[in-house]
Amino acid sequence: MDTSVFGVDLSRRRVLESSVAVVGYDAIPISDPAIVDNSEQDWPTSLRDTRNSGFTDVSVDIQESTIGKRDVATFDAEVVTGPVLVDDTYYVCAYDTERYSIYEIDTEKSLVATSEYENDNRHPSYGNATTPTVASGVVYVTTAYGISAFDIGTGERIWFTPIAEIHSPPTVLDGRVYLAIPTHSFGGGFVSLDAENGDIEWESDTGAPSQINNDFPVAVTENTAILSDNDGNITSVTASTGEEGWNFTYEVDSDGSASPGIPTVRDDIAYCNIAGRMVALDLHSGDRRWELSYDARHSMGAPIVVDDVVLGFDEVGKVYAVSRSDGSLVWSTGALGGGPKRLLATPKTSFLHRHESITAIDIESGSELYSIESTDEYIIQSTGPITSDGITAITIQPDALALSIFGRRPAEDNSERSERESESSERGGTETESTDRTDTLRLLIALAGGVGLGALYGGYKKFGPSDDDETT
């Protein structure tokens, strides 16, 4: 079977081997109460908590010379969502066009339980799942056509509520499940469901969201829920009733998009990246406290609050540290590269996940500490919880997708690596060969266009030659 395009072998094995402006307002007083009630290591939602903090107090002891990768579990699936972590156990959703699986992954026992259910829509283009959320012994998973709840002990599905066009992970607080729904469904806005039975409690038709991107969760506090959208709106509603509160709007860009970010709430201030800037809004009134314009056209992701700064990033991978008090720029990095996806942080280090890598940045100075790059052996697809063991990621590997942890290698592994690097240096040529393979892999990703990494792997898993057909 000929699997080459423009002379490049596309068989499954070959593919996967081979100036800133600030608008100032009154200074914001800063206090630092506990922002999450989770245990030190728990990371039960996409951005760790209901306020989308993306922050953990856990310190990660990693240095460039001692970074290693450990695979915790592998998956025979086309796509795997980002992982979450509760009580030392990871949860991910893996799926293809006909079936979903919720995996429970113990770091010592690997895959210890699986809950499978059929694709209720049976249409592959509408089947994408989002990162699951774990709350009160239940795993909640949304797809483009509904939301399901699974018992964490038995794996049985408790309920399923059909809702069209869901693109955000569920946010669960005080017995309610909050979702952001785009215009196509019922006008656009928020939906709140009873966490126990999945019944819809209220719908808030704000008429705002024309598009809610994947992994854009609603930020929820005890009294308020907030989302942003592609039309340049940041909207709040009362969490218990859905009554609309305030709406803050920017004019959309010339291409019709305001490049929405994910709202983050801290100390009664809502921070959001939207329309090429970071803005701080009073949680109760929606009044603008300050804003800072980025150098690039689009700002992205969720701002991350660490002590007295707020971290954000733009479309070219430039990271900004902004004063929480007045919105002034503290530092910014250079452009670290395109395809930035998300920013997470510990007390001293922030981690920017880009298209194929994770870059560690010192929060005090803004200097780049090290970068974890994809290689000819794996591609970093998505990132998840940060623990004392390291940074969790889903990686695409030659014959599977895997849950991997990038962390500090044992001392004996470091010495072995030094010996291998010394031998490689003496032989010569190895680094160039590896670079060539990695460049080929990047070319293939570019050729894949909008298909995406998960679909790229799935396509060759389904239609590429079997291992028996391949030759070395």
Protein backbone atom coordinates (compact mmCIF):
# COMPACT_ATOMS: atom_id res chain seq x y z
CA MET A 1 0.00 0.00 0.00
CA ASP A 2 1.49 3.33 -1.09
CA THR A 3 1.19 5.83 1.80
CA SER A 4 3.41 8.59 0.49
CA VAL A 5 2.48 12.19 -0.36
CA PHE A 6 5.01 14.38 -2.19
CA GLY A 7 7.56 11.66 -1.51
CA VAL A 8 6.91 11.64 2.27
CA ASP A 9 5.87 8.35 3.90
CA LEU A 10 2.51 8.89 5.65
CA SER A 11 2.10 5.45 7.21
CA ARG A 12 1.03 5.52 10.87
CA ARG A 13 4.43 4.60 12.24
CA ARG A 14 6.30 7.00 9.95
CA VAL A 15 3.95 9.91 10.69
CA LEU A 16 4.32 9.65 14.43
CA GLU A 17 8.05 8.93 14.48
CA SER A 18 9.16 10.75 11.76
CA SER A 19 4.34 48.42 22.58
CA VAL A 20 1.81 48.10 25.41
CA ALA A 21 -0.91 50.62 26.33
CA VAL A 22 -2.58 50.83 29.75
CA VAL A 23 -5.89 52.43 30.65
CA GLY A 24 -5.77 53.08 34.41
CA TYR A 25 -8.53 53.38 36.99
CA ASP A 26 -8.63 53.33 40.78
CA ALA A 27 -6.13 50.87 42.24
CA ILE A 28 -7.54 47.50 43.23
CA PRO A 29 -6.90 46.45 46.86
CA ILE A 30 -5.33 43.00 46.97
CA SER A 31 -5.86 40.30 49.55
CA ASP A 32 -4.98 36.66 49.18
CA PRO A 33 -7.61 34.33 50.65
CA ALA A 34 -7.55 30.66 49.78
CA ILE A 35 -8.82 30.39 46.22
CA VAL A 36 -9.63 26.68 46.22
CA ASP A 37 -10.80 24.17 48.78
CA ASN A 38 -9.21 21.28 46.90
CA SER A 39 -6.50 19.22 48.50
CA GLU A 40 -2.96 20.22 47.59
CA GLN A 41 -2.73 17.94 44.56
CA ASP A 42 -6.34 17.82 43.36
CA TRP A 43 -7.16 19.38 40.00
CA PRO A 44 -10.81 18.39 39.39
CA THR A 45 -11.61 20.79 36.51
CA SER A 46 -9.98 22.02 33.31
CA LEU A 47 -8.53 25.08 35.07
CA ARG A 48 -8.45 23.55 38.57
CA ASP A 49 -11.42 25.25 40.23
CA THR A 50 -14.75 26.94 39.55
CA ARG A 51 -13.10 30.37 39.29
CA ASN A 52 -10.74 29.14 36.52
CA SER A 53 -7.63 30.01 38.53
CA GLY A 54 -5.23 27.69 36.65
CA PHE A 55 -2.97 27.97 39.70
CA THR A 56 -1.62 25.53 42.28
CA ASP A 57 0.48 26.10 45.40
CA VAL A 58 2.46 22.96 44.60
CA SER A 59 6.10 23.61 43.70
CA VAL A 60 7.57 21.64 40.83
CA ASP A 61 11.26 20.81 41.16
CA ILE A 62 12.31 20.62 37.51
CA GLN A 63 15.51 21.80 35.89
CA GLU A 64 16.32 21.64 32.19
CA SER A 65 19.07 19.07 32.71
CA THR A 66 16.86 16.70 34.71
CA ILE A 67 13.55 16.66 32.78
CA GLY A 68 12.17 13.21 32.09
CA LYS A 69 8.90 11.76 30.76
CA ARG A 70 6.95 8.96 32.41
CA ASP A 71 3.92 7.37 30.73
CA VAL A 72 1.19 6.54 33.23
CA ALA A 73 -1.31 4.97 30.80
CA THR A 74 -1.92 4.49 27.07
CA PHE A 75 -5.21 4.61 25.15
CA ASP A 76 -6.49 2.81 22.07
CA ALA A 77 -8.61 5.77 20.98
CA GLU A 78 -8.62 8.51 18.37
CA VAL A 79 -8.76 11.47 20.75
CA VAL A 80 -8.23 11.92 24.46
CA THR A 81 -9.34 15.04 26.34
CA GLY A 82 -7.22 16.85 28.87
CA PRO A 83 -6.92 15.03 32.22
CA VAL A 84 -8.18 16.03 35.66
CA LEU A 85 -6.92 14.72 39.01
CA VAL A 86 -8.79 13.82 42.23
CA ASP A 87 -7.44 11.77 45.16
CA ASP A 88 -4.33 10.68 43.24
CA THR A 89 -6.47 9.37 40.36
CA TYR A 90 -6.66 10.86 36.86
CA TYR A 91 -9.82 10.97 34.74
CA VAL A 92 -9.93 11.49 30.98
CA CYS A 93 -12.51 11.02 28.24
CA ALA A 94 -11.40 9.13 25.14
CA TYR A 95 -13.62 8.75 22.09
CA ASP A 96 -14.05 7.83 18.45
CA THR A 97 -17.08 8.23 16.15
CA GLU A 98 -19.17 5.55 17.87
CA ARG A 99 -18.13 5.18 21.50
CA TYR A 100 -16.86 7.19 24.46
CA SER A 101 -14.83 5.88 27.37
CA ILE A 102 -14.23 7.49 30.75
CA TYR A 103 -10.90 6.23 32.06
CA GLU A 104 -9.95 6.13 35.73
CA ILE A 105 -6.17 6.07 36.02
CA ASP A 106 -4.41 5.31 39.27
CA THR A 107 -0.77 6.38 39.14
CA GLU A 108 0.29 3.05 40.65
CA LYS A 109 -2.21 0.69 38.97
CA SER A 110 -2.62 2.49 35.64
CA LEU A 111 -6.09 1.91 34.12
CA VAL A 112 -8.23 0.54 36.94
CA ALA A 113 -11.75 1.13 35.61
CA THR A 114 -13.49 2.15 32.41
CA SER A 115 -17.01 3.38 31.74
CA GLU A 116 -18.11 3.10 28.10
CA TYR A 117 -21.18 4.55 26.43
CA GLU A 118 -22.37 4.95 22.88
CA ASN A 119 -22.22 8.18 20.93
CA ASP A 120 -25.82 9.37 21.38
CA ASN A 121 -25.71 11.44 18.21
CA ARG A 122 -23.80 9.03 15.93
CA HIS A 123 -22.50 11.94 13.86
CA PRO A 124 -18.68 12.06 14.03
CA SER A 125 -18.38 15.80 13.37
CA TYR A 126 -20.50 16.61 16.42
CA GLY A 127 -18.95 14.15 18.83
CA ASN A 128 -16.14 16.16 20.41
CA ALA A 129 -15.97 15.83 24.18
CA THR A 130 -14.42 18.37 26.55
CA THR A 131 -12.23 17.92 29.59
CA PRO A 132 -14.29 16.21 32.32
CA THR A 133 -15.12 17.70 35.71
CA VAL A 134 -15.15 15.68 38.96
CA ALA A 135 -17.29 16.81 41.89
CA SER A 136 -18.82 15.00 44.89
CA GLY A 137 -18.11 11.51 43.58
CA VAL A 138 -19.43 12.18 40.05
CA VAL A 139 -17.64 12.62 36.72
CA TYR A 140 -19.38 15.09 34.37
CA VAL A 141 -18.58 15.07 30.64
CA THR A 142 -20.01 17.29 27.90
CA THR A 143 -20.12 16.63 24.18
CA ALA A 144 -21.49 18.74 21.35
CA TYR A 145 -24.95 17.22 21.87
CA GLY A 146 -25.36 16.72 25.61
CA ILE A 147 -23.94 16.19 29.08
CA SER A 148 -23.54 12.95 31.04
CA ALA A 149 -22.88 12.22 34.71
CA PHE A 150 -21.09 9.05 35.85
CA ASP A 151 -20.79 7.51 39.30
CA ILE A 152 -17.12 7.66 40.26
CA GLY A 153 -17.34 4.38 42.18
CA THR A 154 -19.20 2.14 39.71
CA GLY A 155 -18.64 3.89 36.38
CA GLU A 156 -22.37 3.72 35.64
CA ARG A 157 -24.00 6.62 33.84
CA ILE A 158 -26.39 8.35 36.25
CA TRP A 159 -28.07 10.65 33.77
CA PHE A 160 -27.79 12.18 30.32
CA THR A 161 -29.34 15.52 29.30
CA PRO A 162 -29.46 16.30 25.55
CA ILE A 163 -28.40 19.89 24.85
CA ALA A 164 -27.19 20.81 21.37
CA GLU A 165 -23.89 22.49 20.62
CA ILE A 166 -22.12 22.36 23.99
CA HIS A 167 -18.50 23.45 23.63
CA SER A 168 -17.53 24.17 27.24
CA PRO A 169 -16.56 21.85 30.09
CA PRO A 170 -19.05 21.76 32.95
CA THR A 171 -18.50 23.93 36.02
CA VAL A 172 -20.01 22.37 39.15
CA LEU A 173 -20.72 24.27 42.37
CA ASP A 174 -23.28 23.94 45.18
CA GLY A 175 -25.34 21.23 43.52
CA ARG A 176 -25.55 22.95 40.13
CA VAL A 177 -23.86 22.28 36.78
CA TYR A 178 -23.18 25.39 34.68
CA LEU A 179 -22.67 25.38 30.90
CA ALA A 180 -22.11 28.02 28.22
CA ILE A 181 -24.24 27.50 25.13
CA PRO A 182 -23.78 29.24 21.74
CA THR A 183 -26.51 31.05 19.83
CA HIS A 184 -27.51 28.03 17.72
CA SER A 185 -29.09 26.28 20.70
CA PHE A 186 -31.62 28.60 22.30
CA GLY A 187 -30.36 32.12 21.80
CA GLY A 188 -26.99 31.90 23.51
CA GLY A 189 -25.99 32.19 27.13
CA PHE A 190 -25.97 30.07 30.26
CA VAL A 191 -27.68 26.87 31.35
CA SER A 192 -27.85 25.56 34.91
CA LEU A 193 -28.73 21.92 35.65
CA ASP A 194 -29.46 20.03 38.84
CA ALA A 195 -26.24 18.10 39.50
CA GLU A 196 -28.19 15.19 41.00
CA ASN A 197 -30.56 14.39 38.14
CA GLY A 198 -29.56 16.59 35.16
CA ASP A 199 -32.83 18.53 35.07
CA ILE A 200 -32.48 22.04 33.63
CA GLU A 201 -33.07 24.56 36.43
CA TRP A 202 -32.81 27.73 34.38
CA GLU A 203 -31.73 29.07 31.01
CA SER A 204 -30.38 32.58 30.67
CA ASP A 205 -30.73 33.74 27.09
CA THR A 206 -28.25 36.61 26.98
CA GLY A 207 -28.31 36.61 23.18
CA ALA A 208 -24.57 37.11 23.32
CA PRO A 209 -22.42 34.04 22.61
CA SER A 210 -22.17 33.29 18.91
CA GLN A 211 -19.38 30.85 19.58
CA ILE A 212 -17.97 29.28 22.73
CA ASN A 213 -14.69 27.53 22.00
CA ASN A 214 -13.72 24.12 23.37
CA ASP A 215 -12.46 24.09 26.95
CA PHE A 216 -13.94 27.54 27.67
CA PRO A 217 -15.58 26.91 31.07
CA VAL A 218 -17.89 29.33 32.81
CA ALA A 219 -16.34 31.02 35.87
CA VAL A 220 -18.63 30.59 38.87
CA THR A 221 -18.54 32.03 42.39
CA GLU A 222 -21.10 31.58 45.17
CA ASN A 223 -23.33 34.28 43.63
CA THR A 224 -22.19 34.97 40.06
CA ALA A 225 -21.48 33.14 36.79
CA ILE A 226 -19.43 34.79 34.01
CA LEU A 227 -18.56 33.94 30.40
CA SER A 228 -17.07 35.67 27.35
CA ASP A 229 -17.75 35.13 23.66
CA ASN A 230 -16.62 35.85 20.10
CA ASP A 231 -18.87 38.91 19.85
CA GLY A 232 -16.77 40.84 22.37
CA ASN A 233 -19.11 40.36 25.34
CA ILE A 234 -18.27 39.53 28.93
CA THR A 235 -21.56 38.67 30.62
CA SER A 236 -22.60 37.90 34.21
CA VAL A 237 -25.74 36.30 35.65
CA THR A 238 -26.91 35.46 39.16
CA ALA A 239 -25.70 31.91 39.81
CA SER A 240 -28.83 30.72 41.62
CA THR A 241 -31.51 32.13 39.28
CA GLY A 242 -29.88 33.00 35.95
CA GLU A 243 -31.04 36.59 36.20
CA GLU A 244 -28.83 38.71 33.94
CA GLY A 245 -26.47 41.03 35.77
CA TRP A 246 -24.10 43.15 33.68
CA ASN A 247 -22.66 42.96 30.18
CA PHE A 248 -19.34 44.49 29.13
CA THR A 249 -18.72 44.77 25.38
CA TYR A 250 -15.78 45.46 23.06
CA GLU A 251 -16.16 46.04 19.34
CA VAL A 252 -15.21 42.94 17.38
CA ASP A 253 -12.17 42.84 15.10
CA SER A 254 -12.42 43.35 11.35
CA ASP A 255 -12.59 39.58 10.86
CA GLY A 256 -15.71 39.46 13.06
CA SER A 257 -13.97 37.90 16.05
CA ALA A 258 -13.09 39.37 19.42
CA SER A 259 -10.77 36.42 20.19
CA PRO A 260 -12.57 35.52 23.42
CA GLY A 261 -10.63 34.42 26.45
CA ILE A 262 -11.68 32.59 29.59
CA PRO A 263 -12.74 34.70 32.58
CA THR A 264 -10.89 34.28 35.88
CA VAL A 265 -12.24 35.55 39.20
CA ARG A 266 -10.14 36.59 42.20
CA ASP A 267 -10.96 38.97 45.08
CA ASP A 268 -14.28 40.06 43.53
CA ILE A 269 -12.51 41.08 40.31
CA ALA A 270 -13.13 39.31 36.99
CA TYR A 271 -10.06 39.24 34.72
CA CYS A 272 -10.43 38.38 31.05
CA ASN A 273 -8.33 38.33 27.88
CA ILE A 274 -10.49 39.64 25.05
CA ALA A 275 -10.07 41.64 21.83
CA GLY A 276 -6.27 41.97 22.12
CA ARG A 277 -6.17 43.14 25.71
CA MET A 278 -6.54 42.12 29.35
CA VAL A 279 -9.33 43.76 31.29
CA ALA A 280 -10.20 43.81 35.02
CA LEU A 281 -13.89 44.23 35.86
CA ASP A 282 -15.68 44.65 39.17
CA LEU A 283 -17.45 41.33 39.76
CA HIS A 284 -20.61 42.96 41.11
CA SER A 285 -21.07 45.99 38.84
CA GLY A 286 -19.09 45.13 35.70
CA ASP A 287 -17.28 48.48 35.97
CA ARG A 288 -13.85 48.47 34.32
CA ARG A 289 -11.08 48.83 36.88
CA TRP A 290 -8.24 48.81 34.36
CA GLU A 291 -7.21 47.39 31.00
CA LEU A 292 -3.94 46.72 29.21
CA SER A 293 -3.59 46.40 25.44
CA TYR A 294 -1.35 43.63 24.13
CA ASP A 295 1.10 44.04 21.26
CA ALA A 296 -0.63 41.33 19.22
CA ARG A 297 -4.06 41.41 17.67
CA HIS A 298 -5.57 38.61 19.73
CA SER A 299 -5.31 37.86 23.45
CA MET A 300 -6.05 34.30 24.45
CA GLY A 301 -6.76 31.86 27.24
CA ALA A 302 -7.45 32.51 30.92
CA PRO A 303 -5.51 35.10 32.92
CA ILE A 304 -3.66 33.53 35.86
CA VAL A 305 -3.37 35.43 39.16
CA VAL A 306 -0.14 34.84 41.10
CA ASP A 307 0.39 37.07 44.16
CA ASP A 308 0.38 40.69 42.94
CA VAL A 309 0.47 40.04 39.17
CA VAL A 310 -1.90 38.67 36.54
CA LEU A 311 -0.39 36.60 33.73
CA GLY A 312 -1.78 36.52 30.19
CA PHE A 313 -0.65 35.63 26.66
CA ASP A 314 -1.37 36.53 23.07
CA GLU A 315 -1.56 34.75 19.71
CA VAL A 316 2.21 34.83 19.06
CA GLY A 317 3.02 33.25 22.42
CA LYS A 318 4.10 36.45 24.16
CA VAL A 319 3.47 36.28 27.91
CA TYR A 320 2.63 39.39 29.96
CA ALA A 321 2.78 40.01 33.72
CA VAL A 322 0.38 42.78 34.72
CA SER A 323 0.03 44.51 38.08
CA ARG A 324 -3.17 43.43 39.81
CA SER A 325 -3.41 46.81 41.48
CA ASP A 326 -3.37 49.21 38.52
CA GLY A 327 -2.95 47.22 35.30
CA SER A 328 0.57 48.45 34.57
CA LEU A 329 2.96 46.17 32.72
CA VAL A 330 5.50 44.46 34.99
CA TRP A 331 7.29 42.46 32.28
CA SER A 332 6.67 40.69 28.99
CA THR A 333 8.54 37.97 27.15
CA GLY A 334 9.43 37.89 23.50
CA ALA A 335 7.22 36.00 21.08
CA LEU A 336 7.70 32.35 22.08
CA GLY A 337 5.98 31.03 18.98
CA GLY A 338 2.57 30.47 17.44
CA GLY A 339 -0.15 28.08 18.49
CA PRO A 340 -0.32 28.99 22.21
CA LYS A 341 -3.08 27.04 23.96
CA ARG A 342 -3.07 27.63 27.69
CA LEU A 343 -1.14 29.09 30.61
CA LEU A 344 -0.86 27.45 34.06
CA ALA A 345 1.16 28.52 37.09
CA THR A 346 2.77 27.60 40.39
CA PRO A 347 4.03 30.18 42.93
CA LYS A 348 7.33 30.70 41.09
CA THR A 349 6.86 29.35 37.57
CA SER A 350 4.31 29.71 34.79
CA PHE A 351 3.97 27.13 32.02
CA LEU A 352 2.84 28.12 28.51
CA HIS A 353 1.61 25.21 26.41
CA ARG A 354 2.15 25.96 22.75
CA HIS A 355 1.54 23.84 19.66
CA GLU A 356 4.30 21.31 20.32
CA SER A 357 5.97 22.36 23.55
CA ILE A 358 5.72 23.59 27.13
CA THR A 359 7.79 26.65 28.06
CA ALA A 360 8.60 27.40 31.71
CA ILE A 361 8.85 31.11 32.63
CA ASP A 362 10.11 32.64 35.86
CA ILE A 363 7.23 34.69 37.30
CA GLU A 364 9.44 37.22 39.09
CA SER A 365 11.64 38.16 36.13
CA GLY A 366 9.84 36.87 33.04
CA SER A 367 12.93 34.97 31.91
CA GLU A 368 12.57 31.68 30.07
CA LEU A 369 13.76 28.80 32.28
CA TYR A 370 13.48 25.82 29.94
CA SER A 371 11.31 24.29 27.26
CA ILE A 372 9.89 20.78 26.96
CA GLU A 373 9.72 20.02 23.25
CA SER A 374 7.90 17.37 21.23
CA THR A 375 10.27 14.89 19.61
CA ASP A 376 10.22 12.20 16.94
CA GLU A 377 8.90 9.84 19.68
CA TYR A 378 5.92 11.88 20.90
CA ILE A 379 3.86 15.04 20.33
CA ILE A 380 2.50 17.04 23.26
CA GLN A 381 -1.24 17.33 22.51
CA SER A 382 -2.72 18.87 25.67
CA THR A 383 -1.64 19.73 29.19
CA GLY A 384 -3.35 19.13 32.52
CA PRO A 385 -2.73 19.15 36.26
CA ILE A 386 0.54 20.32 37.75
CA THR A 387 1.60 18.22 40.74
CA SER A 388 4.77 17.73 42.76
CA ASP A 389 5.61 14.95 40.28
CA GLY A 390 5.58 17.34 37.34
CA ILE A 391 3.37 18.54 34.48
CA THR A 392 0.69 16.20 33.15
CA ALA A 393 0.10 15.98 29.41
CA ILE A 394 -1.61 13.87 26.77
CA THR A 395 0.99 12.81 24.20
CA ILE A 396 0.61 11.26 20.75
CA GLN A 397 3.05 8.36 20.35
CA PRO A 398 3.78 5.96 17.46
CA ASP A 399 1.06 3.43 18.27
CA ALA A 400 -1.12 5.06 20.94
CA LEU A 401 -2.06 8.17 22.85
CA ALA A 402 -0.71 8.34 26.40
CA LEU A 403 -1.12 10.12 29.71
CA SER A 404 2.41 11.33 30.44
CA ILE A 405 4.07 13.22 33.27
CA PHE A 406 7.03 15.49 32.57
CA GLY A 407 9.04 15.78 35.78
CA ARG A 408 12.35 15.28 37.48
CA ARG A 409 14.09 12.03 36.53
CA PRO A 410 15.58 9.80 39.24
CA ALA A 411 19.29 10.45 39.85
CA GLU A 412 20.34 7.21 38.18
CA ASP A 413 18.44 8.16 35.01
CA ASN A 414 20.27 11.50 34.90
CA SER A 415 23.66 9.82 35.02
CA GLU A 416 22.63 7.37 32.30
CA ARG A 417 21.44 10.24 30.14
CA SER A 418 24.77 12.04 30.54
CA GLU A 419 26.57 8.92 29.35
CA ARG A 420 24.26 8.59 26.34
CA GLU A 421 24.69 12.27 25.41
CA SER A 422 28.46 11.90 25.67
CA GLU A 423 28.41 8.84 23.41
CA SER A 424 26.09 10.62 20.97
CA SER A 425 28.41 13.62 20.84
CA GLU A 426 31.35 11.35 20.03
CA ARG A 427 29.43 9.63 17.21
CA GLY A 428 28.06 12.89 15.74
CA GLY A 429 25.11 13.33 13.44
CA THR A 430 22.42 12.10 15.83
CA GLU A 431 21.08 15.53 16.70
CA THR A 432 20.74 16.45 13.03
CA GLU A 433 18.91 13.22 12.24
CA SER A 434 16.48 13.80 15.11
CA THR A 435 15.90 17.38 13.94
CA ASP A 436 15.17 16.16 10.41
CA ARG A 437 12.57 13.71 11.72
CA THR A 438 10.95 16.37 13.88
CA ASP A 439 10.84 18.82 10.94
CA THR A 440 9.18 16.12 8.82
CA LEU A 441 6.58 15.58 11.55
CA ARG A 442 5.87 19.32 11.65
CA LEU A 443 5.43 19.32 7.86
CA LEU A 444 2.88 16.54 8.15
CA ILE A 445 0.97 18.44 10.82
CA ALA A 446 0.91 21.49 8.54
CA LEU A 447 -0.36 19.34 5.67
CA ALA A 448 -3.10 18.03 7.96
CA GLY A 449 -4.40 21.60 8.34
CA GLY A 450 -7.52 21.84 10.46
CA VAL A 451 -7.82 18.09 10.96
CA GLY A 452 -5.96 18.30 14.29
CA LEU A 453 -3.46 16.02 15.95
CA GLY A 454 -5.99 13.62 17.42
CA ALA A 455 -7.73 13.19 14.08
CA LEU A 456 -4.37 12.79 12.35
CA TYR A 457 -3.52 9.91 14.65
CA GLY A 458 -7.02 8.46 14.37
CA GLY A 459 -7.01 8.62 10.59
CA TYR A 460 -3.81 6.63 10.26
CA LYS A 461 -4.88 4.24 12.96
CA LYS A 462 -8.07 3.50 10.98
CA PHE A 463 -6.92 3.74 7.38
CA GLY A 464 -3.13 3.46 7.42
CA PRO A 465 -1.37 0.13 6.97
CA SER A 466 -1.37 -2.30 9.84
CA ASP A 467 1.86 -3.08 11.66
CA ASP A 468 2.06 -6.32 9.64
CA ASP A 469 1.98 -4.31 6.38
CA GLU A 470 4.76 -1.95 7.42
CA THR A 471 8.37 -2.65 6.67
CA THR A 472 11.41 -1.38 8.44
